[in-house]
């Protein structure tokens, strides 16, 4: 598959596989090796993202990005090196996936007219599979409004074939509040049309609250300043009646986030404002009740279809059963729903 795509990919474009697969789906039950990728694509850059834990770059991609012996490891990430210190092509999130996002973002962009055509082809494929609507949870390096130009153009020309509700995802660590200040002055929830409308904030509200869902790595402890930064943003969103969603994988993170929400709610009542946690793999029954009391919800992703083996290895089968049983719990049914996504956080 990679070989055939590399043969028809024009220079300087890359072959990019951006998540949505697992090593366990193949007969060999393993990931491809760098030698295999380099053999089928010696000249065309190839970037293969595996969940949010690692990425494989062939030699052509390393050259295109400019990674060398002198390139330092970023905080929370590792560039694997050979015995001479040269990058091998394996990037590892430990557990911060910013290294993976930033490498992907270094690839060349298509001309605008190609982006429009590509988006229309993608929507047609989704339609073929029976998909008619999607909620966009935002993503790394997706800046508003500049990176929404293609979908905006399609919406204005009545060429969307998927109904899209989009959330705004902050892009600037330590400047998240400024992002949301700007956006609340530009757009309001519900603005748009039946096919393309604004849906609120998230799933990244502040970077200090990001508890990366990499089950190959230990659970990260969120920094002490998380509550202060999150409270400032939540206050602003509630004051402006912006619905929000927040990425939260672990119960330990959720407990601290709920402390912030409950504090804000006492002073500025949520009063029916729509909000929810994304993922919530290890949430406790106690915290489910706290979510319910604030009128919130849980969006449970089908992540265990992709990462169940890793989750069980680290946290055990008991925790795995608790995760998969969450929405069968009578206390949880009015609070959570299953969501299916096309993005790589699967």
Protein backbone atom coordinates (compact mmCIF):
# COMPACT_ATOMS: atom_id res chain seq x y z
CA UNK A 1 0.00 0.00 0.00
CA UNK A 2 2.78 2.46 0.92
CA UNK A 3 4.77 1.47 -2.16
CA UNK A 4 1.89 2.08 -4.57
CA UNK A 5 1.08 5.44 -2.96
CA UNK A 6 4.72 6.56 -2.98
CA UNK A 7 4.91 5.81 -6.71
CA UNK A 8 2.07 8.23 -7.52
CA UNK A 9 2.85 10.96 -4.96
CA UNK A 10 4.39 13.97 -6.76
CA UNK A 11 7.43 15.74 -5.35
CA UNK A 12 7.67 17.48 -2.89
CA UNK A 13 4.54 15.98 -1.31
CA UNK A 14 4.70 13.28 1.37
CA UNK A 15 2.85 10.04 1.95
CA UNK A 16 1.13 10.64 5.31
CA UNK A 17 -0.62 7.95 7.34
CA UNK A 18 -2.23 9.86 10.20
CA UNK A 19 -3.47 7.30 12.72
CA UNK A 20 -6.63 5.24 12.73
CA UNK A 21 -4.87 1.85 12.79
CA UNK A 22 -3.30 -0.61 15.21
CA UNK A 23 -0.45 -3.09 14.91
CA UNK A 24 -2.84 -5.80 16.10
CA UNK A 25 -5.03 -5.56 13.01
CA UNK A 26 -2.37 -7.13 10.79
CA UNK A 27 -1.69 -10.85 10.38
CA UNK A 28 1.86 -10.29 11.69
CA UNK A 29 0.49 -8.37 14.72
CA UNK A 30 3.32 -5.87 14.52
CA UNK A 31 4.20 -2.44 13.21
CA UNK A 32 6.10 -1.96 9.95
CA UNK A 33 9.83 -1.51 10.36
CA UNK A 34 11.83 1.47 9.18
CA UNK A 35 13.81 -0.81 6.87
CA UNK A 36 10.56 -1.94 5.23
CA UNK A 37 9.34 1.64 4.78
CA UNK A 38 12.68 2.82 3.39
CA UNK A 39 12.74 -0.13 0.96
CA UNK A 40 9.35 0.70 -0.59
CA UNK A 41 9.88 4.47 -0.62
CA UNK A 42 13.54 5.47 -0.81
CA UNK A 43 12.90 8.92 -2.32
CA UNK A 44 9.38 10.02 -1.38
CA UNK A 45 9.03 11.21 2.24
CA UNK A 46 6.79 8.93 4.32
CA UNK A 47 5.30 9.79 7.73
CA UNK A 48 3.41 7.03 9.58
CA UNK A 49 1.70 7.99 12.85
CA UNK A 50 0.82 5.20 15.29
CA UNK A 51 -1.90 6.37 17.68
CA UNK A 52 -0.34 9.18 19.74
CA UNK A 53 2.67 7.19 20.92
CA UNK A 54 5.09 7.20 17.99
CA UNK A 55 5.76 8.05 14.38
CA UNK A 56 7.92 6.40 11.72
CA UNK A 57 9.74 8.63 9.22
CA UNK A 58 11.74 7.23 6.34
CA UNK A 59 15.12 8.67 5.39
CA UNK A 60 13.59 10.99 2.81
CA UNK A 61 11.27 12.47 5.45
CA UNK A 62 14.17 12.95 7.87
CA UNK A 63 16.03 14.85 5.16
CA UNK A 64 12.97 16.95 4.35
CA UNK A 65 12.43 17.90 7.99
CA UNK A 66 16.13 18.45 8.65
CA UNK A 67 16.52 16.24 11.71
CA UNK A 68 20.23 15.61 12.36
CA UNK A 69 22.59 14.47 15.09
CA UNK A 70 22.42 18.01 16.51
CA UNK A 71 18.60 18.13 16.76
CA UNK A 72 17.71 18.07 20.49
CA UNK A 73 14.93 16.03 22.03
CA UNK A 74 11.93 18.24 22.85
CA UNK A 75 10.36 18.17 26.33
CA UNK A 76 8.31 14.99 26.71
CA UNK A 77 9.53 13.48 23.44
CA UNK A 78 12.40 11.39 22.09
CA UNK A 79 14.08 11.24 18.69
CA UNK A 80 15.49 7.71 18.62
CA UNK A 81 19.13 7.59 17.50
CA UNK A 82 21.60 4.99 16.28
CA UNK A 83 24.98 4.25 17.86
CA UNK A 84 26.42 7.31 16.11
CA UNK A 85 23.73 9.65 17.41
CA UNK A 86 21.92 10.02 14.09
CA UNK A 87 18.10 9.94 14.03
CA UNK A 88 16.76 6.54 12.98
CA UNK A 89 13.33 7.82 11.97
CA UNK A 90 11.42 6.72 15.08
CA UNK A 91 9.82 9.53 17.10
CA UNK A 92 8.46 8.62 20.53
CA UNK A 93 5.98 10.54 22.69
CA UNK A 94 6.98 10.32 26.36
CA UNK A 95 4.06 11.01 26.67
CA UNK A 96 3.81 14.47 25.07
CA UNK A 97 2.75 14.01 21.45
CA UNK A 98 3.85 17.52 20.38
CA UNK A 99 6.96 16.01 18.74
CA UNK A 100 4.68 13.94 16.51
CA UNK A 101 2.34 16.85 15.67
CA UNK A 102 5.21 19.21 14.88
CA UNK A 103 6.91 16.69 12.58
CA UNK A 104 3.66 16.15 10.69
CA UNK A 105 3.15 19.91 10.39
CA UNK A 106 6.55 20.28 8.68
CA UNK A 107 5.23 18.59 5.55
CA UNK A 108 4.39 20.73 2.50
CA UNK A 109 0.88 22.09 2.07
CA UNK A 110 -1.16 21.50 -1.04
CA UNK A 111 -2.16 24.54 -3.11
CA UNK A 112 -5.56 25.88 -2.06
CA UNK A 113 -7.42 24.47 -5.07
CA UNK A 114 -5.93 21.02 -4.35
CA UNK A 115 -6.98 21.30 -0.71
CA UNK A 116 -10.53 22.05 -1.82
CA UNK A 117 -10.55 19.08 -4.18
CA UNK A 118 -9.01 16.78 -1.56
CA UNK A 119 -11.60 17.80 1.02
CA UNK A 120 -14.44 17.14 -1.41
CA UNK A 121 -13.01 13.71 -2.22
CA UNK A 122 -12.68 12.94 1.51
CA UNK A 123 -16.28 13.93 2.16
CA UNK A 124 -17.43 11.79 -0.76
CA UNK A 125 -15.63 8.79 0.74
CA UNK A 126 -17.29 9.44 4.11
CA UNK A 127 -20.66 9.65 2.36
CA UNK A 128 -19.95 6.33 0.67
CA UNK A 129 -19.48 4.82 4.13
CA UNK A 130 -22.79 6.29 5.30
CA UNK A 131 -21.40 9.26 7.26
CA UNK A 132 -23.58 12.37 7.00
CA UNK A 133 -22.51 14.48 10.00
CA UNK A 134 -19.43 15.08 12.13
CA UNK A 135 -18.34 17.13 15.13
CA UNK A 136 -14.82 18.49 14.79
CA UNK A 137 -13.03 18.47 18.16
CA UNK A 138 -10.18 20.61 16.83
CA UNK A 139 -6.55 19.54 16.68
CA UNK A 140 -2.93 20.52 16.90
CA UNK A 141 -1.72 23.12 14.40
CA UNK A 142 -5.31 23.86 13.31
CA UNK A 143 -5.47 27.62 13.75
CA UNK A 144 -8.69 29.61 13.54
CA UNK A 145 -9.67 31.21 11.24
CA UNK A 146 -6.81 30.72 8.78
CA UNK A 147 -6.83 26.89 8.70
CA UNK A 148 -10.61 26.82 8.25
CA UNK A 149 -10.42 28.60 4.90
CA UNK A 150 -11.10 25.50 2.79
CA UNK A 151 -14.20 24.39 4.69
CA UNK A 152 -15.41 28.00 4.83
CA UNK A 153 -15.15 28.22 1.04
CA UNK A 154 -16.98 24.93 0.54
CA UNK A 155 -19.72 26.04 2.94
CA UNK A 156 -20.19 29.37 1.15
CA UNK A 157 -20.44 27.54 -2.19
CA UNK A 158 -22.91 24.96 -0.81
CA UNK A 159 -20.46 22.16 -1.59
CA UNK A 160 -20.32 20.49 1.82
CA UNK A 161 -21.79 16.98 1.84
CA UNK A 162 -21.04 16.41 5.54
CA UNK A 163 -22.72 18.49 8.24
CA UNK A 164 -19.92 19.88 10.41
CA UNK A 165 -20.09 21.38 13.89
CA UNK A 166 -16.65 22.70 14.81
CA UNK A 167 -15.01 23.37 18.17
CA UNK A 168 -12.11 25.77 18.61
CA UNK A 169 -8.93 24.23 20.04
CA UNK A 170 -6.33 26.55 21.57
CA UNK A 171 -2.95 26.47 19.84
CA UNK A 172 -0.71 28.58 22.08
CA UNK A 173 0.59 27.30 25.43
CA UNK A 174 0.37 30.02 28.12
CA UNK A 175 -1.77 32.14 25.79
CA UNK A 176 -4.89 30.01 25.83
CA UNK A 177 -6.99 32.68 27.55
CA UNK A 178 -6.01 35.21 24.90
CA UNK A 179 -7.06 32.74 22.18
CA UNK A 180 -10.53 32.34 23.66
CA UNK A 181 -10.85 36.06 24.35
CA UNK A 182 -10.25 36.70 20.65
CA UNK A 183 -12.54 33.93 19.44
CA UNK A 184 -15.48 34.88 21.65
CA UNK A 185 -15.35 38.31 20.01
CA UNK A 186 -15.34 36.75 16.52
CA UNK A 187 -17.94 33.98 16.61
CA UNK A 188 -20.78 32.69 18.79
CA UNK A 189 -21.99 29.11 19.30
CA UNK A 190 -24.57 28.26 16.65
CA UNK A 191 -23.24 30.76 14.11
CA UNK A 192 -23.29 29.38 10.59
CA UNK A 193 -25.68 27.19 8.64
CA UNK A 194 -27.28 23.77 8.88
CA UNK A 195 -24.18 22.33 7.23
CA UNK A 196 -21.43 24.29 8.98
CA UNK A 197 -21.72 25.90 12.38
CA UNK A 198 -19.70 26.81 15.43
CA UNK A 199 -20.07 24.40 18.36
CA UNK A 200 -18.02 25.89 21.22
CA UNK A 201 -14.57 25.34 22.73
CA UNK A 202 -12.26 22.34 23.01
CA UNK A 203 -11.06 19.76 23.25
CA UNK A 204 -7.87 21.54 24.32
CA UNK A 205 -8.69 24.40 26.68
CA UNK A 206 -5.30 24.80 28.38
CA UNK A 207 -2.15 22.84 27.64
CA UNK A 208 -1.42 22.30 31.33
CA UNK A 209 -4.57 20.12 31.49
CA UNK A 210 -3.46 17.76 28.70
CA UNK A 211 -3.17 14.24 30.16
CA UNK A 212 -1.99 12.41 27.05
CA UNK A 213 -3.68 9.08 26.34
CA UNK A 214 -0.48 7.12 25.68
CA UNK A 215 -0.97 3.81 27.49
CA UNK A 216 2.58 2.73 26.61
CA UNK A 217 3.81 5.43 29.00
CA UNK A 218 3.02 6.05 32.69
CA UNK A 219 0.11 8.34 33.53
CA UNK A 220 1.35 11.94 33.51
CA UNK A 221 0.89 14.14 36.58
CA UNK A 222 -0.59 17.48 35.61
CA UNK A 223 1.38 20.54 36.78
CA UNK A 224 0.43 22.52 39.88
CA UNK A 225 -0.57 25.56 37.83
CA UNK A 226 -3.23 23.61 35.90
CA UNK A 227 -6.14 24.68 38.10
CA UNK A 228 -5.27 28.38 37.91
CA UNK A 229 -4.95 28.37 34.13
CA UNK A 230 -8.03 26.23 33.57
CA UNK A 231 -10.21 28.29 35.91
CA UNK A 232 -9.45 31.49 34.00
CA UNK A 233 -10.55 29.94 30.71
CA UNK A 234 -13.62 28.18 32.15
CA UNK A 235 -14.83 31.42 33.76
CA UNK A 236 -14.55 33.18 30.43
CA UNK A 237 -16.38 30.43 28.56
CA UNK A 238 -19.21 30.21 31.09
CA UNK A 239 -19.60 33.99 31.16
CA UNK A 240 -19.95 33.97 27.36
CA UNK A 241 -22.19 30.86 27.39
CA UNK A 242 -19.82 28.89 25.21
CA UNK A 243 -20.33 25.10 25.37
CA UNK A 244 -17.04 23.31 25.92
CA UNK A 245 -15.43 19.89 25.80
CA UNK A 246 -12.21 18.89 27.54
CA UNK A 247 -9.82 16.02 26.85
CA UNK A 248 -9.47 13.98 30.06
CA UNK A 249 -8.19 10.42 30.05
CA UNK A 250 -7.53 9.66 33.72
CA UNK A 251 -9.69 9.84 36.85
CA UNK A 252 -6.90 11.68 38.68
CA UNK A 253 -7.05 14.48 36.11
CA UNK A 254 -10.84 14.52 36.06
CA UNK A 255 -11.01 14.98 39.85
CA UNK A 256 -8.89 18.11 39.66
CA UNK A 257 -10.77 19.49 36.66
CA UNK A 258 -14.10 18.96 38.41
CA UNK A 259 -12.78 20.89 41.41
CA UNK A 260 -12.31 23.84 39.05
CA UNK A 261 -15.73 23.44 37.42
CA UNK A 262 -17.51 23.24 40.78
CA UNK A 263 -15.70 26.34 42.01
CA UNK A 264 -16.69 28.35 38.93
CA UNK A 265 -20.26 27.02 39.03
CA UNK A 266 -20.76 28.41 42.56
CA UNK A 267 -19.99 31.92 41.32
CA UNK A 268 -21.16 31.73 37.68
CA UNK A 269 -23.76 28.95 37.40
CA UNK A 270 -23.38 26.60 34.45
CA UNK A 271 -27.21 26.55 34.42
CA UNK A 272 -27.69 24.08 31.58
CA UNK A 273 -24.57 25.04 29.62
CA UNK A 274 -23.54 22.05 27.51
CA UNK A 275 -20.15 20.59 28.40
CA UNK A 276 -18.47 17.19 28.56
CA UNK A 277 -15.25 15.27 29.04
CA UNK A 278 -13.76 13.44 26.06
CA UNK A 279 -12.46 9.89 26.67
CA UNK A 280 -12.62 9.43 30.50
CA UNK A 281 -11.18 5.89 30.36
CA UNK A 282 -10.61 5.52 34.12
CA UNK A 283 -13.33 7.77 35.55
CA UNK A 284 -14.76 6.65 38.91
CA UNK A 285 -18.45 6.33 39.78
CA UNK A 286 -17.99 9.20 42.23
CA UNK A 287 -16.78 11.49 39.47
CA UNK A 288 -19.55 10.33 37.13
CA UNK A 289 -21.99 11.62 39.75
CA UNK A 290 -20.10 14.92 39.97
CA UNK A 291 -20.28 15.31 36.18
CA UNK A 292 -24.00 14.57 36.26
CA UNK A 293 -24.60 17.11 39.04
CA UNK A 294 -23.06 19.83 36.85
CA UNK A 295 -25.18 18.84 33.87
CA UNK A 296 -22.18 17.53 31.96
CA UNK A 297 -21.53 14.45 29.87
CA UNK A 298 -18.91 11.93 28.84
CA UNK A 299 -17.95 11.21 25.23
CA UNK A 300 -16.57 7.68 25.37
CA UNK A 301 -14.40 6.93 22.37
CA UNK A 302 -13.88 3.49 20.81
CA UNK A 303 -10.23 3.77 21.79
CA UNK A 304 -10.03 0.30 23.32
CA UNK A 305 -10.48 -1.17 19.85
CA UNK A 306 -7.08 0.34 19.05
CA UNK A 307 -5.32 0.48 22.44
CA UNK A 308 -7.05 -2.15 24.57
CA UNK A 309 -4.01 -4.43 24.61
CA UNK A 310 -1.74 -1.61 25.81
CA UNK A 311 -4.28 -0.48 28.42
CA UNK A 312 -4.62 -4.00 29.84
CA UNK A 313 -0.84 -4.45 29.98
CA UNK A 314 -0.40 -1.30 32.06
CA UNK A 315 -3.57 -1.14 34.16
CA UNK A 316 -4.83 -4.73 34.17
CA UNK A 317 -7.92 -6.51 32.90
CA UNK A 318 -10.03 -5.33 35.85
CA UNK A 319 -9.52 -1.69 34.84
CA UNK A 320 -10.22 -2.63 31.22
CA UNK A 321 -13.54 -4.23 32.15
CA UNK A 322 -14.46 -1.17 34.22
CA UNK A 323 -13.76 1.05 31.23
CA UNK A 324 -15.83 -0.95 28.77
CA UNK A 325 -18.68 -1.29 31.27
CA UNK A 326 -19.00 2.45 31.94
CA UNK A 327 -21.94 3.12 29.64
CA UNK A 328 -23.73 -0.03 30.78
CA UNK A 329 -23.86 1.44 34.28
CA UNK A 330 -27.34 2.75 35.10
CA UNK A 331 -25.76 5.77 36.82
CA UNK A 332 -23.81 6.57 33.68
CA UNK A 333 -26.41 6.14 30.94
CA UNK A 334 -27.83 9.64 31.17
CA UNK A 335 -24.33 11.11 31.24
CA UNK A 336 -22.29 9.39 28.55
CA UNK A 337 -22.50 8.46 24.91
CA UNK A 338 -20.24 6.66 22.46
CA UNK A 339 -18.45 8.71 19.83
CA UNK A 340 -16.68 7.49 16.73
CA UNK A 341 -13.98 9.54 15.10
CA UNK A 342 -11.76 9.76 12.06
CA UNK A 343 -8.86 11.38 13.88
CA UNK A 344 -5.66 9.77 15.07
CA UNK A 345 -6.39 9.93 18.77
CA UNK A 346 -7.99 6.56 18.15
